[in-house]
Amino acid sequence: MALDLLVLRGLGLGDLLTGLPALRALRRAFPGHRLVLAAPEAYRELLGGEADAWLDVRGPGPVPVTGCDVAVNLHGRGPESVAALRAAGPRLLVSHTTGPPWNPAAHEVARWCDLLGRYGIPADPADLRLGAHEGGGPIVVHPGAAFPARRWPPERFADVAAALNAEGRPVVVTAGPGETDLARQVAGGLPVLTPTLTELAGLVRRARLVICGDTGVAHLAAAYGTPSVVLFGPTPPALWGPPPGPHRVIWHGRAGDPHGPAPDPGLLEITVTEVLGAARDRLEVSVA
């Protein structure tokens, strides 16, 4: 019987995508183990193939499993996640609590690769791809984000979408769960799509360009190499930005609370003119 390798990452879509290089490195390092991923069930639709088994866990635990050989904390550094993994009784616990100190200045992708490196497990931060960009699709404008602090004003997204559409470029506006009204504010008469996660991934993979804030859709664009314009406000892109590639980050250098109840002041400094300029630049260099 295969031994279990338990990995905890009970966070959002973007978080899970940034953890892919570490997750794949663990699979290579423990080829005889059954990789059990503790993460939200909603993402299994897209990423289920990255694990042998999936546990529906949101947040730091608890993790409904007892008995594993190796437990890896890709969730964070808090005591709740560490306690949840210790309760599984692992022979080896890989975490910042038992290994290297937490570095608040580390990029999220590099953080987990560095953690594994300290345990002798090589991980490639560039191993982020889910597939190749296909192109041929419309411009995707995604105005939503998990918290208001990371949501650029809908009227500004609307101005960008309308201007690009007026130039003869097909544009669609996408909405995540609970974001339909927001998307309609942005769309005007443009199509509003409420895709499933798999449908959204396919749409992003085919998109000519993605325009969005610091959210999971930006990480999907990175995963497929789709050209993107990503608007950063409270969180520096040095911590969560896309890898080198066909991506343009706009940030005015001000950090704040990413969970705040209103658009971050730094995000509000980004103008429609800036975003349109970045979008046109990406469209000019894209052959899709």
C-alpha atoms as a PDB file:
ATOM      1  CA  MET A   1       0.000   0.000   0.000  1.00  0.00           C
ATOM      2  CA  ALA A   2       1.297   3.445  -0.953  1.00  0.00           C
ATOM      3  CA  LEU A   3       2.193   5.833   1.830  1.00  0.00           C
ATOM      4  CA  ASP A   4       0.336   9.133   1.966  1.00  0.00           C
ATOM      5  CA  LEU A   5       1.928  12.499   1.231  1.00  0.00           C
ATOM      6  CA  LEU A   6      -0.503  15.076   2.658  1.00  0.00           C
ATOM      7  CA  VAL A   7      -0.327  18.653   1.331  1.00  0.00           C
ATOM      8  CA  LEU A   8      -2.399  21.493   2.799  1.00  0.00           C
ATOM      9  CA  ARG A   9      -3.318  24.534   0.671  1.00  0.00           C
ATOM     10  CA  GLY A  10      -6.830  25.489   1.798  1.00  0.00           C
ATOM     11  CA  LEU A  11      -6.874  28.862   0.060  1.00  0.00           C
ATOM     12  CA  GLY A  12      -8.166  30.513  -3.134  1.00  0.00           C
ATOM     13  CA  LEU A  13      -7.583  29.728  -6.786  1.00  0.00           C
ATOM     14  CA  GLY A  14      -4.651  32.099  -7.198  1.00  0.00           C
ATOM     15  CA  ASP A  15      -3.059  30.687  -4.064  1.00  0.00           C
ATOM     16  CA  LEU A  16      -3.380  27.159  -5.371  1.00  0.00           C
ATOM     17  CA  LEU A  17      -1.929  28.091  -8.750  1.00  0.00           C
ATOM     18  CA  THR A  18       1.085  29.754  -7.147  1.00  0.00           C
ATOM     19  CA  GLY A  19       1.654  26.556  -5.188  1.00  0.00           C
ATOM     20  CA  LEU A  20       1.812  24.354  -8.306  1.00  0.00           C
ATOM     21  CA  PRO A  21       5.627  24.323  -8.637  1.00  0.00           C
ATOM     22  CA  ALA A  22       5.969  23.121  -5.052  1.00  0.00           C
ATOM     23  CA  LEU A  23       3.163  20.586  -5.451  1.00  0.00           C
ATOM     24  CA  ARG A  24       4.737  19.140  -8.584  1.00  0.00           C
ATOM     25  CA  ALA A  25       8.151  19.027  -6.923  1.00  0.00           C
ATOM     26  CA  LEU A  26       6.669  16.993  -4.074  1.00  0.00           C
ATOM     27  CA  ARG A  27       5.185  14.491  -6.512  1.00  0.00           C
ATOM     28  CA  ARG A  28       8.604  14.048  -8.119  1.00  0.00           C
ATOM     29  CA  ALA A  29      10.341  13.756  -4.754  1.00  0.00           C
ATOM     30  CA  PHE A  30       7.950  11.077  -3.443  1.00  0.00           C
ATOM     31  CA  PRO A  31       7.009   8.985  -6.506  1.00  0.00           C
ATOM     32  CA  GLY A  32       5.910   6.015  -4.403  1.00  0.00           C
ATOM     33  CA  HIS A  33       3.513   8.031  -2.241  1.00  0.00           C
ATOM     34  CA  ARG A  34      -0.145   8.843  -2.768  1.00  0.00           C
ATOM     35  CA  LEU A  35      -0.343  12.638  -2.960  1.00  0.00           C
ATOM     36  CA  VAL A  36      -3.396  13.831  -0.991  1.00  0.00           C
ATOM     37  CA  LEU A  37      -4.222  17.509  -1.505  1.00  0.00           C
ATOM     38  CA  ALA A  38      -6.272  19.323   1.143  1.00  0.00           C
ATOM     39  CA  ALA A  39      -7.785  22.269  -0.750  1.00  0.00           C
ATOM     40  CA  PRO A  40     -11.243  23.632  -1.650  1.00  0.00           C
ATOM     41  CA  GLU A  41     -13.280  21.111  -3.617  1.00  0.00           C
ATOM     42  CA  ALA A  42     -14.315  23.800  -6.112  1.00  0.00           C
ATOM     43  CA  TYR A  43     -10.841  23.726  -7.685  1.00  0.00           C
ATOM     44  CA  ARG A  44     -10.767  19.988  -8.206  1.00  0.00           C
ATOM     45  CA  GLU A  45     -12.682  20.536 -11.459  1.00  0.00           C
ATOM     46  CA  LEU A  46      -9.613  22.219 -12.931  1.00  0.00           C
ATOM     47  CA  LEU A  47      -6.682  20.880 -10.922  1.00  0.00           C
ATOM     48  CA  GLY A  48      -7.729  17.429  -9.769  1.00  0.00           C
ATOM     49  CA  GLY A  49      -5.060  15.803 -11.912  1.00  0.00           C
ATOM     50  CA  GLU A  50      -2.341  17.401  -9.803  1.00  0.00           C
ATOM     51  CA  ALA A  51      -3.141  15.025  -6.900  1.00  0.00           C
ATOM     52  CA  ASP A  52      -4.035  11.387  -6.386  1.00  0.00           C
ATOM     53  CA  ALA A  53      -6.739  12.224  -3.849  1.00  0.00           C
ATOM     54  CA  TRP A  54      -8.505  15.417  -2.812  1.00  0.00           C
ATOM     55  CA  LEU A  55      -9.827  16.552   0.569  1.00  0.00           C
ATOM     56  CA  ASP A  56     -12.279  19.469   0.672  1.00  0.00           C
ATOM     57  CA  VAL A  57     -10.525  21.812   3.109  1.00  0.00           C
ATOM     58  CA  ARG A  58     -11.022  25.576   3.315  1.00  0.00           C
ATOM     59  CA  GLY A  59      -8.714  27.496   5.573  1.00  0.00           C
ATOM     60  CA  PRO A  60      -6.031  26.060   7.846  1.00  0.00           C
ATOM     61  CA  GLY A  61      -7.914  22.913   8.778  1.00  0.00           C
ATOM     62  CA  PRO A  62      -8.825  20.650  10.399  1.00  0.00           C
ATOM     63  CA  VAL A  63      -7.789  18.022   7.866  1.00  0.00           C
ATOM     64  CA  PRO A  64     -10.046  14.931   7.886  1.00  0.00           C
ATOM     65  CA  VAL A  65      -7.308  12.328   7.759  1.00  0.00           C
ATOM     66  CA  THR A  66      -5.336  10.335  10.300  1.00  0.00           C
ATOM     67  CA  GLY A  67      -2.096   8.611   9.490  1.00  0.00           C
ATOM     68  CA  CYS A  68       0.252   9.854   6.794  1.00  0.00           C
ATOM     69  CA  ASP A  69       3.940   9.496   6.146  1.00  0.00           C
ATOM     70  CA  VAL A  70       4.759  13.080   5.135  1.00  0.00           C
ATOM     71  CA  ALA A  71       2.714  16.245   5.724  1.00  0.00           C
ATOM     72  CA  VAL A  72       3.561  19.508   3.971  1.00  0.00           C
ATOM     73  CA  ASN A  73       2.255  22.893   5.021  1.00  0.00           C
ATOM     74  CA  LEU A  74       1.831  25.019   1.879  1.00  0.00           C
ATOM     75  CA  HIS A  75      -0.931  26.956   3.621  1.00  0.00           C
ATOM     76  CA  GLY A  76       0.931  29.429   5.816  1.00  0.00           C
ATOM     77  CA  ARG A  77       2.798  29.752   9.070  1.00  0.00           C
ATOM     78  CA  GLY A  78      -0.061  29.952  11.588  1.00  0.00           C
ATOM     79  CA  PRO A  79      -0.477  27.513  14.477  1.00  0.00           C
ATOM     80  CA  GLU A  80      -3.843  26.236  13.181  1.00  0.00           C
ATOM     81  CA  SER A  81      -2.420  24.769   9.966  1.00  0.00           C
ATOM     82  CA  VAL A  82       0.553  23.263  11.782  1.00  0.00           C
ATOM     83  CA  ALA A  83      -1.721  21.684  14.398  1.00  0.00           C
ATOM     84  CA  ALA A  84      -4.010  20.305  11.691  1.00  0.00           C
ATOM     85  CA  LEU A  85      -1.101  18.536  10.012  1.00  0.00           C
ATOM     86  CA  ARG A  86       0.437  17.308  13.243  1.00  0.00           C
ATOM     87  CA  ALA A  87      -2.899  15.677  14.056  1.00  0.00           C
ATOM     88  CA  ALA A  88      -2.422  13.477  10.988  1.00  0.00           C
ATOM     89  CA  GLY A  89       0.599  11.913  12.744  1.00  0.00           C
ATOM     90  CA  PRO A  90       3.221  12.333  10.009  1.00  0.00           C
ATOM     91  CA  ARG A  91       6.699  10.864  10.214  1.00  0.00           C
ATOM     92  CA  LEU A  92       7.962  14.097   8.627  1.00  0.00           C
ATOM     93  CA  LEU A  93       6.360  17.539   8.832  1.00  0.00           C
ATOM     94  CA  VAL A  94       7.561  20.065   6.261  1.00  0.00           C
ATOM     95  CA  SER A  95       6.674  23.606   7.329  1.00  0.00           C
ATOM     96  CA  HIS A  96       8.104  26.978   8.241  1.00  0.00           C
ATOM     97  CA  THR A  97       7.582  26.041  11.873  1.00  0.00           C
ATOM     98  CA  THR A  98       9.983  23.110  11.651  1.00  0.00           C
ATOM     99  CA  GLY A  99      12.173  24.473   8.849  1.00  0.00           C
ATOM    100  CA  PRO A 100      13.318  27.861   7.558  1.00  0.00           C
ATOM    101  CA  PRO A 101      11.961  31.111   8.994  1.00  0.00           C
ATOM    102  CA  TRP A 102       9.122  32.898   7.217  1.00  0.00           C
ATOM    103  CA  ASN A 103      10.332  35.585   4.807  1.00  0.00           C
ATOM    104  CA  PRO A 104       7.677  38.319   4.428  1.00  0.00           C
ATOM    105  CA  ALA A 105       9.476  39.726   1.367  1.00  0.00           C
ATOM    106  CA  ALA A 106       9.378  36.473  -0.638  1.00  0.00           C
ATOM    107  CA  HIS A 107       7.256  36.089  -3.750  1.00  0.00           C
ATOM    108  CA  GLU A 108       4.494  33.581  -3.095  1.00  0.00           C
ATOM    109  CA  VAL A 109       5.763  31.135  -5.726  1.00  0.00           C
ATOM    110  CA  ALA A 110       9.358  31.304  -4.540  1.00  0.00           C
ATOM    111  CA  ARG A 111       8.332  31.007  -0.875  1.00  0.00           C
ATOM    112  CA  TRP A 112       7.147  27.416  -1.174  1.00  0.00           C
ATOM    113  CA  CYS A 113       9.910  26.377  -3.551  1.00  0.00           C
ATOM    114  CA  ASP A 114      12.456  27.751  -1.086  1.00  0.00           C
ATOM    115  CA  LEU A 115      10.782  25.890   1.768  1.00  0.00           C
ATOM    116  CA  LEU A 116      11.115  22.580  -0.049  1.00  0.00           C
ATOM    117  CA  GLY A 117      14.689  23.395  -1.006  1.00  0.00           C
ATOM    118  CA  ARG A 118      15.606  23.610   2.659  1.00  0.00           C
ATOM    119  CA  TYR A 119      14.422  20.002   2.998  1.00  0.00           C
ATOM    120  CA  GLY A 120      16.472  18.871   0.002  1.00  0.00           C
ATOM    121  CA  ILE A 121      13.547  18.869  -2.432  1.00  0.00           C
ATOM    122  CA  PRO A 122      14.349  20.850  -5.616  1.00  0.00           C
ATOM    123  CA  ALA A 123      11.459  22.881  -7.040  1.00  0.00           C
ATOM    124  CA  ASP A 124      11.339  25.040 -10.161  1.00  0.00           C
ATOM    125  CA  PRO A 125       9.409  28.325  -9.654  1.00  0.00           C
ATOM    126  CA  ALA A 126       8.801  28.472 -13.404  1.00  0.00           C
ATOM    127  CA  ASP A 127       6.781  25.233 -13.338  1.00  0.00           C
ATOM    128  CA  LEU A 128       3.482  27.131 -13.329  1.00  0.00           C
ATOM    129  CA  ARG A 129       1.942  26.227 -16.656  1.00  0.00           C
ATOM    130  CA  LEU A 130      -1.331  24.383 -17.103  1.00  0.00           C
ATOM    131  CA  GLY A 131      -1.039  24.456 -20.892  1.00  0.00           C
ATOM    132  CA  ALA A 132      -0.092  26.564 -23.895  1.00  0.00           C
ATOM    133  CA  HIS A 133      -1.921  29.722 -24.886  1.00  0.00           C
ATOM    134  CA  GLU A 134      -4.228  29.001 -27.824  1.00  0.00           C
ATOM    135  CA  GLY A 135      -5.434  32.486 -28.756  1.00  0.00           C
ATOM    136  CA  GLY A 136      -8.202  33.310 -31.187  1.00  0.00           C
ATOM    137  CA  GLY A 137     -10.626  34.431 -28.500  1.00  0.00           C
ATOM    138  CA  PRO A 138     -11.896  37.811 -27.313  1.00  0.00           C
ATOM    139  CA  ILE A 139     -10.423  40.235 -24.827  1.00  0.00           C
ATOM    140  CA  VAL A 140     -11.535  39.131 -21.360  1.00  0.00           C
ATOM    141  CA  VAL A 141     -12.272  41.856 -18.810  1.00  0.00           C
ATOM    142  CA  HIS A 142     -12.701  40.509 -15.278  1.00  0.00           C
ATOM    143  CA  PRO A 143     -13.613  43.267 -12.786  1.00  0.00           C
ATOM    144  CA  GLY A 144     -14.118  41.129  -9.691  1.00  0.00           C
ATOM    145  CA  ALA A 145     -11.780  40.297  -6.826  1.00  0.00           C
ATOM    146  CA  ALA A 146     -12.167  38.606  -3.462  1.00  0.00           C
ATOM    147  CA  PHE A 147     -12.071  41.879  -1.497  1.00  0.00           C
ATOM    148  CA  PRO A 148     -13.122  45.450  -2.324  1.00  0.00           C
ATOM    149  CA  ALA A 149      -9.575  46.693  -1.706  1.00  0.00           C
ATOM    150  CA  ARG A 150      -8.496  44.924  -4.904  1.00  0.00           C
ATOM    151  CA  ARG A 151     -11.440  46.000  -7.102  1.00  0.00           C
ATOM    152  CA  TRP A 152     -10.729  48.824  -9.513  1.00  0.00           C
ATOM    153  CA  PRO A 153     -13.896  50.937  -9.950  1.00  0.00           C
ATOM    154  CA  PRO A 154     -16.415  49.345 -12.337  1.00  0.00           C
ATOM    155  CA  GLU A 155     -16.938  52.584 -14.262  1.00  0.00           C
ATOM    156  CA  ARG A 156     -13.236  52.591 -15.155  1.00  0.00           C
ATOM    157  CA  PHE A 157     -13.342  48.974 -16.304  1.00  0.00           C
ATOM    158  CA  ALA A 158     -16.424  49.977 -18.341  1.00  0.00           C
ATOM    159  CA  ASP A 159     -14.516  52.800 -20.047  1.00  0.00           C
ATOM    160  CA  VAL A 160     -11.659  50.443 -20.932  1.00  0.00           C
ATOM    161  CA  ALA A 161     -13.978  47.746 -22.273  1.00  0.00           C
ATOM    162  CA  ALA A 162     -16.022  50.219 -24.317  1.00  0.00           C
ATOM    163  CA  ALA A 163     -12.933  51.858 -25.833  1.00  0.00           C
ATOM    164  CA  LEU A 164     -11.398  48.547 -26.908  1.00  0.00           C
ATOM    165  CA  ASN A 165     -14.709  47.356 -28.309  1.00  0.00           C
ATOM    166  CA  ALA A 166     -15.082  50.626 -30.259  1.00  0.00           C
ATOM    167  CA  GLU A 167     -11.738  49.855 -31.904  1.00  0.00           C
ATOM    168  CA  GLY A 168     -13.243  46.685 -33.341  1.00  0.00           C
ATOM    169  CA  ARG A 169     -11.789  44.294 -30.788  1.00  0.00           C
ATOM    170  CA  PRO A 170     -14.268  41.716 -29.396  1.00  0.00           C
ATOM    171  CA  VAL A 171     -14.620  42.073 -25.611  1.00  0.00           C
ATOM    172  CA  VAL A 172     -16.447  39.955 -23.027  1.00  0.00           C
ATOM    173  CA  VAL A 173     -16.876  40.622 -19.319  1.00  0.00           C
ATOM    174  CA  THR A 174     -16.650  37.673 -16.930  1.00  0.00           C
ATOM    175  CA  ALA A 175     -18.206  37.254 -13.514  1.00  0.00           C
ATOM    176  CA  GLY A 176     -17.313  34.896 -10.710  1.00  0.00           C
ATOM    177  CA  PRO A 177     -19.827  33.727  -8.087  1.00  0.00           C
ATOM    178  CA  GLY A 178     -21.794  36.700  -6.790  1.00  0.00           C
ATOM    179  CA  GLU A 179     -20.258  39.102  -9.322  1.00  0.00           C
ATOM    180  CA  THR A 180     -22.936  39.198 -12.022  1.00  0.00           C
ATOM    181  CA  ASP A 181     -24.275  42.631 -11.076  1.00  0.00           C
ATOM    182  CA  LEU A 182     -20.751  44.025 -11.015  1.00  0.00           C
ATOM    183  CA  ALA A 183     -20.039  42.562 -14.460  1.00  0.00           C
ATOM    184  CA  ARG A 184     -23.232  44.082 -15.854  1.00  0.00           C
ATOM    185  CA  GLN A 185     -22.191  47.500 -14.569  1.00  0.00           C
ATOM    186  CA  VAL A 186     -18.990  47.123 -16.559  1.00  0.00           C
ATOM    187  CA  ALA A 187     -20.427  45.535 -19.685  1.00  0.00           C
ATOM    188  CA  GLY A 188     -23.060  47.965 -20.843  1.00  0.00           C
ATOM    189  CA  GLY A 189     -24.144  46.144 -23.984  1.00  0.00           C
ATOM    190  CA  LEU A 190     -21.147  43.795 -24.104  1.00  0.00           C
ATOM    191  CA  PRO A 191     -21.549  40.064 -23.394  1.00  0.00           C
ATOM    192  CA  VAL A 192     -21.469  39.039 -19.735  1.00  0.00           C
ATOM    193  CA  LEU A 193     -20.295  35.473 -19.074  1.00  0.00           C
ATOM    194  CA  THR A 194     -20.685  33.508 -15.842  1.00  0.00           C
ATOM    195  CA  PRO A 195     -18.554  30.470 -16.646  1.00  0.00           C
ATOM    196  CA  THR A 196     -17.733  27.463 -14.538  1.00  0.00           C
ATOM    197  CA  LEU A 197     -14.117  27.259 -13.458  1.00  0.00           C
ATOM    198  CA  THR A 198     -13.239  24.919 -16.323  1.00  0.00           C
ATOM    199  CA  GLU A 199     -15.053  27.165 -18.789  1.00  0.00           C
ATOM    200  CA  LEU A 200     -13.268  30.203 -17.392  1.00  0.00           C
ATOM    201  CA  ALA A 201      -9.910  28.474 -17.766  1.00  0.00           C
ATOM    202  CA  GLY A 202     -10.713  27.656 -21.388  1.00  0.00           C
ATOM    203  CA  LEU A 203     -11.830  31.217 -22.044  1.00  0.00           C
ATOM    204  CA  VAL A 204      -8.622  32.621 -20.553  1.00  0.00           C
ATOM    205  CA  ARG A 205      -6.526  30.130 -22.491  1.00  0.00           C
ATOM    206  CA  ARG A 206      -8.097  31.326 -25.763  1.00  0.00           C
ATOM    207  CA  ALA A 207      -8.258  35.020 -24.865  1.00  0.00           C
ATOM    208  CA  ARG A 208      -6.353  37.551 -26.903  1.00  0.00           C
ATOM    209  CA  LEU A 209      -5.821  39.535 -23.724  1.00  0.00           C
ATOM    210  CA  VAL A 210      -6.956  39.446 -20.080  1.00  0.00           C
ATOM    211  CA  ILE A 211      -7.519  42.652 -18.108  1.00  0.00           C
ATOM    212  CA  CYS A 212      -8.109  42.177 -14.389  1.00  0.00           C
ATOM    213  CA  GLY A 213      -7.023  42.971 -10.872  1.00  0.00           C
ATOM    214  CA  ASP A 214      -4.859  40.986  -8.490  1.00  0.00           C
ATOM    215  CA  THR A 215      -7.051  37.893  -8.439  1.00  0.00           C
ATOM    216  CA  GLY A 216      -7.261  34.260  -9.532  1.00  0.00           C
ATOM    217  CA  VAL A 217      -7.943  35.136 -13.175  1.00  0.00           C
ATOM    218  CA  ALA A 218      -4.540  36.837 -13.351  1.00  0.00           C
ATOM    219  CA  HIS A 219      -2.924  33.593 -12.202  1.00  0.00           C
ATOM    220  CA  LEU A 220      -4.905  31.659 -14.815  1.00  0.00           C
ATOM    221  CA  ALA A 221      -3.500  33.978 -17.484  1.00  0.00           C
ATOM    222  CA  ALA A 222      -0.007  33.255 -16.163  1.00  0.00           C
ATOM    223  CA  ALA A 223      -0.724  29.519 -16.156  1.00  0.00           C
ATOM    224  CA  TYR A 224      -1.576  29.599 -19.882  1.00  0.00           C
ATOM    225  CA  GLY A 225       0.858  32.305 -20.990  1.00  0.00           C
ATOM    226  CA  THR A 226      -2.065  34.506 -22.037  1.00  0.00           C
ATOM    227  CA  PRO A 227      -1.134  38.190 -22.428  1.00  0.00           C
ATOM    228  CA  SER A 228      -2.513  40.174 -19.517  1.00  0.00           C
ATOM    229  CA  VAL A 229      -2.763  43.587 -17.923  1.00  0.00           C
ATOM    230  CA  VAL A 230      -2.966  43.202 -14.147  1.00  0.00           C
ATOM    231  CA  LEU A 231      -3.885  46.069 -11.833  1.00  0.00           C
ATOM    232  CA  PHE A 232      -2.226  45.977  -8.426  1.00  0.00           C
ATOM    233  CA  GLY A 233      -3.224  48.132  -5.466  1.00  0.00           C
ATOM    234  CA  PRO A 234      -2.619  47.136  -1.873  1.00  0.00           C
ATOM    235  CA  THR A 235      -0.301  44.189  -2.583  1.00  0.00           C
ATOM    236  CA  PRO A 236       3.081  44.734  -4.270  1.00  0.00           C
ATOM    237  CA  PRO A 237       3.495  42.681  -7.464  1.00  0.00           C
ATOM    238  CA  ALA A 238       6.901  41.626  -6.123  1.00  0.00           C
ATOM    239  CA  LEU A 239       4.929  39.348  -3.789  1.00  0.00           C
ATOM    240  CA  TRP A 240       2.114  38.123  -6.059  1.00  0.00           C
ATOM    241  CA  GLY A 241       2.810  39.351  -9.595  1.00  0.00           C
ATOM    242  CA  PRO A 242       2.969  37.205 -12.742  1.00  0.00           C
ATOM    243  CA  PRO A 243       6.206  35.606 -13.952  1.00  0.00           C
ATOM    244  CA  PRO A 244       8.198  37.059 -16.847  1.00  0.00           C
ATOM    245  CA  GLY A 245       6.230  36.817 -20.051  1.00  0.00           C
ATOM    246  CA  PRO A 246       3.497  38.621 -21.980  1.00  0.00           C
ATOM    247  CA  HIS A 247       2.143  40.361 -18.883  1.00  0.00           C
ATOM    248  CA  ARG A 248       1.989  44.018 -17.951  1.00  0.00           C
ATOM    249  CA  VAL A 249       1.653  44.978 -14.294  1.00  0.00           C
ATOM    250  CA  ILE A 250       0.395  48.428 -13.279  1.00  0.00           C
ATOM    251  CA  TRP A 251       1.164  49.454  -9.710  1.00  0.00           C
ATOM    252  CA  HIS A 252       1.743  52.879  -8.203  1.00  0.00           C
ATOM    253  CA  GLY A 253       4.071  51.708  -5.459  1.00  0.00           C
ATOM    254  CA  ARG A 254       1.690  51.970  -2.518  1.00  0.00           C
ATOM    255  CA  ALA A 255       1.058  49.000  -0.231  1.00  0.00           C
ATOM    256  CA  GLY A 256      -2.023  48.602   1.938  1.00  0.00           C
ATOM    257  CA  ASP A 257      -4.554  46.159   3.331  1.00  0.00           C
ATOM    258  CA  PRO A 258      -5.527  43.600   0.643  1.00  0.00           C
ATOM    259  CA  HIS A 259      -8.616  42.670   2.681  1.00  0.00           C
ATOM    260  CA  GLY A 260      -9.881  46.216   3.069  1.00  0.00           C
ATOM    261  CA  PRO A 261     -13.557  47.219   2.655  1.00  0.00           C
ATOM    262  CA  ALA A 262     -12.950  49.857  -0.050  1.00  0.00           C
ATOM    263  CA  PRO A 263     -10.742  50.203  -3.137  1.00  0.00           C
ATOM    264  CA  ASP A 264      -7.162  50.792  -2.071  1.00  0.00           C
ATOM    265  CA  PRO A 265      -5.931  54.380  -2.600  1.00  0.00           C
ATOM    266  CA  GLY A 266      -3.005  53.103  -4.638  1.00  0.00           C
ATOM    267  CA  LEU A 267      -5.341  51.170  -6.905  1.00  0.00           C
ATOM    268  CA  LEU A 268      -7.435  54.303  -7.414  1.00  0.00           C
ATOM    269  CA  GLU A 269      -4.354  56.109  -8.710  1.00  0.00           C
ATOM    270  CA  ILE A 270      -4.416  53.869 -11.800  1.00  0.00           C
ATOM    271  CA  THR A 271      -6.122  55.692 -14.658  1.00  0.00           C
ATOM    272  CA  VAL A 272      -8.173  54.499 -17.603  1.00  0.00           C
ATOM    273  CA  THR A 273      -5.549  56.009 -19.917  1.00  0.00           C
ATOM    274  CA  GLU A 274      -2.822  53.885 -18.314  1.00  0.00           C
ATOM    275  CA  VAL A 275      -4.794  50.686 -18.643  1.00  0.00           C
ATOM    276  CA  LEU A 276      -5.778  51.374 -22.244  1.00  0.00           C
ATOM    277  CA  GLY A 277      -2.165  52.139 -23.116  1.00  0.00           C
ATOM    278  CA  ALA A 278      -0.959  48.912 -21.537  1.00  0.00           C
ATOM    279  CA  ALA A 279      -3.728  46.921 -23.239  1.00  0.00           C
ATOM    280  CA  ARG A 280      -2.954  48.337 -26.665  1.00  0.00           C
ATOM    281  CA  ASP A 281       0.730  47.641 -26.122  1.00  0.00           C
ATOM    282  CA  ARG A 282       0.012  43.994 -25.276  1.00  0.00           C
ATOM    283  CA  LEU A 283      -2.343  43.686 -28.249  1.00  0.00           C
ATOM    284  CA  GLU A 284       0.265  45.059 -30.628  1.00  0.00           C
ATOM    285  CA  VAL A 285       2.907  42.533 -29.596  1.00  0.00           C
ATOM    286  CA  SER A 286       0.465  39.598 -29.486  1.00  0.00           C
ATOM    287  CA  VAL A 287      -0.005  37.543 -32.619  1.00  0.00           C
ATOM    288  CA  ALA A 288      -3.051  35.716 -31.224  1.00  0.00           C
END
